[in-house]
Amino acid sequence: MGLDTGPLSTLHKKASYEVGDFDVPTGREEEWRFTPLRRLRGLHNGTADGHGKILLEVEAAPEVTVETVGRDDLRLGRAYVPADRVSAQAWTSFAHATVVTVPKEAVASAPTVLRLRGEDASSAAYGHTTVILEPFAEATVVFAHRGSATYADNVEFVVGDGARLSVISLQDWADDSVHVSHQHARLGRDARFVSHNITLGGDLVRLSPSVSYDAPGGNAELYGVYFADGGQHLEHRLLVDHAVANCRSRVDYRGALQEQDAHAVWIGDVIIRAEAEGTDTYELNRNLVLTDGTRVDSVPNLEILTGEVTGAGHASASGRLDDEHLFYLQARGITFDEARRMVVRGFLGQLIERIEVTEVREKVRDAIEAELDRGVSR
């Protein structure tokens, strides 16, 4: 079933639940030109062996309900329609889905944690998760990905009027893993959505967070931290679609790269449609290059179809460690390696400090230190 998303934008024109409505990517398409298709293991062209499994372990707050449901559950697919072939394949192929529900006016007393673990990357697995916050509810949901997997999934967040949802997604996969995921949030009136994507592990990880608004007053904040090592491909493709007046969005993604053939891709698409007067939006991507042989592609796109906006801007910057900064620290008795660590900690730490779950925040700090140790040892 194809859905017409309208002629307003050249971005993400097509949306459909049917795999056949999307051509097989060749790598020449704008949305696929940075992705090494041969490393997707058939997720993009239907040749993947779909007998893989992802094991799920749930630790739910007492106020939160977590269910495993079949494909016929009417709560699935209402907030998000797949926007590319892999997403449609994931929709078509999942056997069971997870539905997380926070009742009206409930305030979760602890984070709800979904731990997803792969045990074999030789076969593909597909998944679907729907998180529903009823009006004026508040919750934090953590997704922790680890193990070996070839995995494609869709995650949809329905944030009701006046609700508050914080999401932390940690991609800590083994080195042989491939993960392609779409994460879509739909915000009600005066709803607030905050997401943190932390991408550290995996051979190839491609995440596509997106946001849409149902009513005025919606506020979305999308943060991301990533660290790419030799041979890793880490790709984040964001879309914020302002189609309602008086809504706000902020995007801040930061990454570090080291070693040969480490590749980071960040695409930030923001659409402000004609009816979205009073929009306030800003997106930022910054990358810190630690060694030679890496590659960064950073493309902010801002499409404005109304002149009545509160604010709209974007910025992108990629560069090496500042020699003057390092010299300043070394002149005060700090070794080069420790000066390097201090600069990276400060660069990424501003976003890591925003992670509200202490256990996750400490885990990310430790992981960054391990990445820096790896860089020093080589």
Protein backbone atom coordinates (compact mmCIF):
# COMPACT_ATOMS: atom_id res chain seq x y z
CA MET A 1 0.00 0.00 0.00
CA GLY A 2 1.66 3.21 -1.11
CA LEU A 3 1.00 6.52 0.59
CA ASP A 4 1.35 9.94 -1.07
CA THR A 5 3.51 12.17 1.11
CA GLY A 6 2.80 15.21 -1.08
CA PRO A 7 4.77 17.19 -3.62
CA LEU A 8 6.19 19.73 -1.18
CA SER A 9 9.65 18.24 -0.82
CA THR A 10 12.13 16.28 -2.86
CA LEU A 11 13.13 14.50 0.36
CA HIS A 12 11.66 11.07 1.15
CA LYS A 13 8.95 11.24 -1.49
CA LYS A 14 7.83 7.64 -1.19
CA ALA A 15 6.36 5.81 1.79
CA SER A 16 4.89 2.31 1.62
CA TYR A 17 4.47 -0.89 3.60
CA GLU A 18 5.16 -2.94 0.44
CA VAL A 19 8.71 -3.98 -0.43
CA GLY A 20 7.88 -4.06 -4.14
CA ASP A 21 7.04 -0.36 -4.15
CA PHE A 22 10.76 0.41 -3.73
CA ASP A 23 13.41 -0.26 -6.35
CA VAL A 24 16.44 -2.27 -5.32
CA PRO A 25 19.14 0.30 -4.42
CA THR A 26 22.11 0.51 -6.73
CA GLY A 27 24.17 3.03 -4.77
CA ARG A 28 23.53 5.82 -7.25
CA GLU A 29 20.46 7.06 -5.39
CA GLU A 30 20.91 10.07 -3.14
CA GLU A 31 19.69 8.17 -0.08
CA TRP A 32 22.07 5.26 -0.70
CA ARG A 33 25.16 6.83 -2.26
CA PHE A 34 27.21 6.78 0.95
CA THR A 35 26.22 3.25 2.05
CA PRO A 36 28.43 0.30 0.98
CA LEU A 37 25.60 -1.92 -0.26
CA ARG A 38 27.76 -5.03 -0.58
CA ARG A 39 28.20 -4.99 3.20
CA LEU A 40 24.43 -5.05 3.89
CA ARG A 41 24.33 -8.85 3.42
CA GLY A 42 21.23 -8.74 1.26
CA LEU A 43 19.04 -6.64 3.57
CA HIS A 44 18.48 -4.20 0.68
CA ASN A 45 17.71 -6.62 -2.16
CA GLY A 46 15.79 -9.52 -0.66
CA THR A 47 18.63 -12.07 -0.76
CA ALA A 48 19.25 -12.15 3.00
CA ASP A 49 18.59 -15.42 4.78
CA GLY A 50 15.83 -14.42 7.20
CA HIS A 51 16.26 -17.15 9.82
CA GLY A 52 18.27 -15.11 12.31
CA LYS A 53 17.10 -14.33 15.83
CA ILE A 54 17.43 -11.44 18.21
CA LEU A 55 16.97 -12.34 21.87
CA LEU A 56 15.05 -9.78 23.92
CA GLU A 57 15.33 -9.24 27.64
CA VAL A 58 13.05 -6.63 29.23
CA GLU A 59 13.39 -4.77 32.50
CA ALA A 60 10.23 -2.67 32.78
CA ALA A 61 9.34 0.05 35.23
CA PRO A 62 6.35 -0.97 37.39
CA GLU A 63 4.11 1.64 35.76
CA VAL A 64 4.93 0.42 32.24
CA THR A 65 3.40 -2.45 30.27
CA VAL A 66 5.55 -4.41 27.80
CA GLU A 67 3.84 -6.91 25.49
CA THR A 68 4.89 -9.29 22.74
CA VAL A 69 2.23 -9.18 20.02
CA GLY A 70 1.53 -10.59 16.58
CA ARG A 71 1.55 -8.78 13.27
CA ASP A 72 -2.20 -8.24 13.42
CA ASP A 73 -2.03 -5.91 16.43
CA LEU A 74 -3.68 -2.66 15.32
CA ARG A 75 -1.26 -0.52 17.31
CA LEU A 76 1.57 -1.39 14.95
CA GLY A 77 2.47 0.78 11.99
CA ARG A 78 0.12 3.64 12.82
CA ALA A 79 2.82 6.23 13.48
CA TYR A 80 5.32 5.25 10.81
CA VAL A 81 5.20 4.08 7.20
CA PRO A 82 8.48 2.65 5.81
CA ALA A 83 10.48 5.13 3.74
CA ASP A 84 12.90 2.79 1.96
CA ARG A 85 13.25 -0.81 0.86
CA VAL A 86 15.08 -2.11 3.93
CA SER A 87 12.49 -0.55 6.23
CA ALA A 88 9.68 -2.10 4.17
CA GLN A 89 11.46 -5.47 4.26
CA ALA A 90 11.66 -5.23 8.04
CA TRP A 91 7.93 -4.42 8.22
CA THR A 92 7.05 -7.35 5.97
CA SER A 93 9.34 -9.86 7.66
CA PHE A 94 9.00 -9.51 11.45
CA ALA A 95 7.09 -12.31 13.16
CA HIS A 96 6.41 -10.68 16.53
CA ALA A 97 6.60 -7.12 17.77
CA THR A 98 7.17 -5.46 21.13
CA VAL A 99 4.69 -2.86 22.38
CA VAL A 100 5.64 -0.63 25.31
CA THR A 101 2.77 1.36 26.83
CA VAL A 102 2.83 4.08 29.49
CA PRO A 103 -0.71 4.85 30.69
CA LYS A 104 -2.26 8.29 30.80
CA GLU A 105 -0.68 10.58 33.41
CA ALA A 106 1.64 7.83 34.66
CA VAL A 107 5.19 8.84 35.57
CA ALA A 108 7.60 5.92 35.29
CA SER A 109 9.69 5.55 38.44
CA ALA A 110 12.61 3.89 36.61
CA PRO A 111 13.85 3.46 33.06
CA THR A 112 12.40 0.64 31.00
CA VAL A 113 15.29 -1.27 29.42
CA LEU A 114 15.07 -3.45 26.32
CA ARG A 115 18.24 -5.53 25.86
CA LEU A 116 18.53 -6.96 22.35
CA ARG A 117 21.24 -9.56 21.74
CA GLY A 118 22.28 -11.27 18.54
CA GLU A 119 24.08 -14.61 18.57
CA ASP A 120 24.82 -15.17 14.88
CA ALA A 121 25.41 -12.66 12.08
CA SER A 122 25.17 -15.24 9.29
CA SER A 123 21.36 -14.95 9.00
CA ALA A 124 19.20 -11.82 8.99
CA ALA A 125 16.69 -10.95 11.68
CA TYR A 126 13.86 -8.41 11.53
CA GLY A 127 12.09 -6.55 14.31
CA HIS A 128 9.46 -4.00 15.21
CA THR A 129 8.93 -2.00 18.41
CA THR A 130 6.16 0.45 19.21
CA VAL A 131 6.41 2.74 22.24
CA ILE A 132 3.18 4.51 23.23
CA LEU A 133 2.99 7.29 25.79
CA GLU A 134 -0.60 8.21 26.51
CA PRO A 135 -1.40 11.87 27.28
CA PHE A 136 0.66 13.48 30.07
CA ALA A 137 2.68 10.32 30.74
CA GLU A 138 6.44 10.45 31.35
CA ALA A 139 9.03 7.72 30.79
CA THR A 140 12.57 6.83 29.80
CA VAL A 141 13.19 3.86 27.49
CA VAL A 142 16.63 2.35 26.87
CA PHE A 143 17.50 0.11 23.91
CA ALA A 144 20.78 -1.80 24.42
CA HIS A 145 22.04 -3.66 21.33
CA ARG A 146 24.91 -6.14 21.59
CA GLY A 147 26.20 -9.43 20.21
CA SER A 148 26.54 -10.53 16.59
CA ALA A 149 23.67 -9.88 14.21
CA THR A 150 22.45 -8.91 10.79
CA TYR A 151 19.40 -6.94 11.82
CA ALA A 152 16.84 -4.57 10.30
CA ASP A 153 14.05 -3.06 12.36
CA ASN A 154 11.55 -0.24 12.71
CA VAL A 155 10.91 1.57 15.98
CA GLU A 156 7.97 3.95 16.34
CA PHE A 157 7.32 6.33 19.22
CA VAL A 158 3.83 7.73 19.77
CA VAL A 159 4.09 10.60 22.25
CA GLY A 160 0.66 11.79 23.33
CA ASP A 161 -0.47 15.31 24.22
CA GLY A 162 1.61 16.74 27.03
CA ALA A 163 3.66 13.54 27.36
CA ARG A 164 7.44 13.37 27.92
CA LEU A 165 9.57 10.58 26.44
CA SER A 166 13.33 10.15 26.67
CA VAL A 167 14.92 7.42 24.55
CA ILE A 168 18.49 6.11 24.71
CA SER A 169 19.61 3.72 21.98
CA LEU A 170 23.04 2.16 22.48
CA GLN A 171 24.57 0.36 19.49
CA ASP A 172 27.31 -1.70 21.13
CA TRP A 173 27.36 -4.53 18.59
CA ALA A 174 30.19 -6.97 17.98
CA ASP A 175 32.57 -6.18 15.14
CA ASP A 176 30.80 -8.48 12.65
CA SER A 177 27.32 -6.94 13.02
CA VAL A 178 25.14 -5.05 10.55
CA HIS A 179 22.21 -2.98 11.83
CA VAL A 180 19.82 -0.90 9.73
CA SER A 181 17.12 0.84 11.76
CA HIS A 182 14.40 3.45 11.33
CA GLN A 183 13.26 5.30 14.45
CA HIS A 184 10.23 7.54 14.04
CA ALA A 185 8.63 9.75 16.68
CA ARG A 186 5.17 11.30 16.27
CA LEU A 187 4.47 14.09 18.73
CA GLY A 188 1.14 15.33 20.03
CA ARG A 189 0.27 18.78 21.35
CA ASP A 190 2.94 20.13 23.73
CA ALA A 191 4.69 16.75 23.73
CA ARG A 192 8.45 16.50 24.36
CA PHE A 193 10.71 13.87 22.84
CA VAL A 194 14.43 13.52 23.59
CA SER A 195 16.58 10.86 21.94
CA HIS A 196 20.21 9.84 22.39
CA ASN A 197 21.79 7.56 19.78
CA ILE A 198 25.14 6.20 20.92
CA THR A 199 26.82 4.24 18.11
CA LEU A 200 30.08 2.50 18.92
CA GLY A 201 30.09 -1.11 17.70
CA GLY A 202 29.30 -3.01 14.52
CA ASP A 203 30.78 -3.40 11.07
CA LEU A 204 28.03 -1.29 9.46
CA VAL A 205 25.35 0.63 11.34
CA ARG A 206 22.84 2.84 9.52
CA LEU A 207 20.25 4.61 11.69
CA SER A 208 17.45 6.83 10.39
CA PRO A 209 15.78 8.82 13.20
CA SER A 210 12.80 10.96 12.12
CA VAL A 211 10.21 13.19 13.76
CA SER A 212 6.75 14.46 12.79
CA TYR A 213 4.24 16.63 14.65
CA ASP A 214 0.48 16.21 15.05
CA ALA A 215 -0.27 19.50 16.84
CA PRO A 216 1.38 22.74 17.99
CA GLY A 217 3.82 22.87 20.89
CA GLY A 218 5.80 19.73 20.05
CA ASN A 219 9.46 19.80 21.05
CA ALA A 220 12.04 17.29 19.75
CA GLU A 221 15.70 17.09 20.77
CA LEU A 222 17.87 14.57 18.91
CA TYR A 223 21.39 13.93 20.19
CA GLY A 224 24.01 11.49 18.96
CA VAL A 225 27.53 10.34 19.80
CA TYR A 226 29.54 7.95 17.62
CA PHE A 227 33.12 6.70 17.44
CA ALA A 228 34.27 4.99 14.23
CA ASP A 229 37.35 2.75 14.15
CA GLY A 230 39.22 1.28 11.20
CA GLY A 231 36.86 -0.22 8.61
CA GLN A 232 33.68 0.74 10.45
CA HIS A 233 30.83 2.44 8.59
CA LEU A 234 28.56 4.43 10.92
CA GLU A 235 25.74 6.32 9.21
CA HIS A 236 23.04 8.53 10.73
CA ARG A 237 20.31 9.97 8.51
CA LEU A 238 17.89 12.33 10.27
CA LEU A 239 14.63 13.84 9.09
CA VAL A 240 12.59 16.40 11.03
CA ASP A 241 9.35 17.22 9.23
CA HIS A 242 7.76 20.42 10.50
CA ALA A 243 4.24 20.36 9.12
CA VAL A 244 2.51 22.01 12.11
CA ALA A 245 2.84 25.56 13.42
CA ASN A 246 4.76 26.54 16.54
CA CYS A 247 6.91 23.46 17.07
CA ARG A 248 10.59 23.17 17.97
CA SER A 249 13.48 20.87 17.10
CA ARG A 250 17.15 20.66 18.00
CA VAL A 251 19.69 18.24 16.53
CA ASP A 252 23.27 17.81 17.79
CA TYR A 253 25.34 14.83 16.62
CA ARG A 254 29.08 14.51 17.28
CA GLY A 255 31.56 11.86 16.25
CA ALA A 256 35.20 10.88 16.41
CA LEU A 257 37.10 8.78 13.88
CA GLN A 258 40.40 6.95 13.94
CA GLU A 259 42.31 4.38 11.88
CA GLN A 260 42.24 3.43 8.21
CA ASP A 261 38.88 3.41 6.39
CA ALA A 262 36.80 4.53 9.35
CA HIS A 263 33.79 6.20 7.72
CA ALA A 264 31.12 8.36 9.34
CA VAL A 265 28.08 9.68 7.48
CA TRP A 266 25.63 12.22 8.84
CA ILE A 267 22.66 13.50 6.84
CA GLY A 268 20.40 16.06 8.50
CA ASP A 269 17.18 16.86 6.64
CA VAL A 270 14.78 19.46 8.06
CA ILE A 271 11.61 20.43 6.20
CA ILE A 272 9.57 23.46 7.27
CA ARG A 273 6.33 23.26 5.32
CA ALA A 274 4.18 26.22 4.35
CA GLU A 275 1.73 25.65 7.20
CA ALA A 276 4.48 25.38 9.85
CA GLU A 277 4.67 29.04 10.84
CA GLY A 278 6.50 29.80 14.06
CA THR A 279 8.91 26.87 13.68
CA ASP A 280 12.11 27.02 15.72
CA THR A 281 14.79 24.59 14.51
CA TYR A 282 18.56 24.16 14.49
CA GLU A 283 20.77 21.21 13.54
CA LEU A 284 24.47 20.67 14.16
CA ASN A 285 26.98 17.98 13.24
CA ARG A 286 30.64 18.04 14.28
CA ASN A 287 33.33 15.43 13.65
CA LEU A 288 36.78 15.08 15.17
CA VAL A 289 39.34 13.29 12.97
CA LEU A 290 42.04 11.65 15.09
CA THR A 291 44.19 9.92 12.44
CA ASP A 292 44.81 9.84 8.72
CA GLY A 293 42.87 7.45 6.49
CA THR A 294 39.37 8.28 7.74
CA ARG A 295 36.43 9.71 5.81
CA VAL A 296 33.58 11.97 6.90
CA ASP A 297 30.48 12.88 4.88
CA SER A 298 28.30 15.48 6.59
CA VAL A 299 25.34 16.97 4.72
CA PRO A 300 22.84 19.31 6.43
CA ASN A 301 19.74 20.11 4.39
CA LEU A 302 17.25 22.79 5.40
CA GLU A 303 14.16 23.27 3.24
CA ILE A 304 11.98 26.24 4.20
CA LEU A 305 8.62 26.76 2.53
CA THR A 306 7.37 29.63 4.70
CA GLY A 307 8.90 32.96 5.65
CA GLU A 308 7.21 33.04 9.04
CA VAL A 309 9.70 31.12 11.20
CA THR A 310 11.03 31.87 14.67
CA GLY A 311 14.44 30.46 13.86
CA ALA A 312 16.06 28.08 11.39
CA GLY A 313 19.70 27.19 10.97
CA HIS A 314 22.26 24.46 10.54
CA ALA A 315 26.00 23.93 10.83
CA SER A 316 28.49 21.19 10.01
CA ALA A 317 32.20 20.99 10.79
CA SER A 318 34.83 18.26 10.52
CA GLY A 319 38.50 18.64 11.38
CA ARG A 320 41.58 17.30 13.08
CA LEU A 321 42.73 17.88 16.64
CA ASP A 322 43.76 21.48 17.13
CA ASP A 323 47.58 21.58 17.26
CA GLU A 324 47.56 24.85 19.21
CA HIS A 325 45.18 23.37 21.77
CA LEU A 326 47.38 20.30 22.18
CA PHE A 327 50.53 22.45 22.42
CA TYR A 328 48.89 24.58 25.11
CA LEU A 329 48.16 21.49 27.22
CA GLN A 330 51.58 19.94 26.62
CA ALA A 331 53.28 23.20 27.63
CA ARG A 332 51.69 22.71 31.04
CA GLY A 333 53.24 19.30 31.56
CA ILE A 334 50.45 17.16 30.10
CA THR A 335 51.60 14.33 27.83
CA PHE A 336 50.43 14.22 24.22
CA ASP A 337 48.30 11.11 24.80
CA GLU A 338 46.57 12.61 27.83
CA ALA A 339 46.07 15.93 26.02
CA ARG A 340 44.45 14.01 23.16
CA ARG A 341 42.15 12.26 25.62
CA MET A 342 41.18 15.54 27.27
CA VAL A 343 40.20 17.11 23.96
CA VAL A 344 38.07 14.11 22.88
CA ARG A 345 36.46 13.84 26.32
CA GLY A 346 35.47 17.49 26.19
CA PHE A 347 34.23 17.26 22.62
CA LEU A 348 31.95 14.26 23.17
CA GLY A 349 31.37 14.76 26.88
CA GLN A 350 28.99 17.68 26.40
CA LEU A 351 26.48 15.26 24.89
CA ILE A 352 27.32 12.26 27.07
CA GLU A 353 26.53 14.36 30.16
CA ARG A 354 22.99 14.80 28.83
CA ILE A 355 22.28 11.07 29.17
CA GLU A 356 20.05 10.88 32.21
CA VAL A 357 20.54 7.18 33.05
CA THR A 358 23.67 6.92 35.16
CA GLU A 359 24.46 3.31 34.23
CA VAL A 360 24.32 4.09 30.51
CA ARG A 361 26.25 7.33 30.88
CA GLU A 362 29.08 5.53 32.69
CA LYS A 363 29.09 2.72 30.14
CA VAL A 364 29.46 5.21 27.31
CA ARG A 365 32.29 7.01 29.10
CA ASP A 366 34.11 3.71 29.61
CA ALA A 367 33.58 2.78 25.97
CA ILE A 368 35.06 6.08 24.79
CA GLU A 369 38.08 5.53 27.04
CA ALA A 370 38.51 2.05 25.52
CA GLU A 371 38.39 3.56 22.03
CA LEU A 372 41.06 6.07 23.01
CA ASP A 373 43.20 3.28 24.49
CA ARG A 374 42.92 1.44 21.21
CA GLY A 375 44.07 4.51 19.29
CA VAL A 376 47.07 5.01 21.56
CA SER A 377 48.15 1.36 21.36
CA ARG A 378 48.35 1.40 17.56
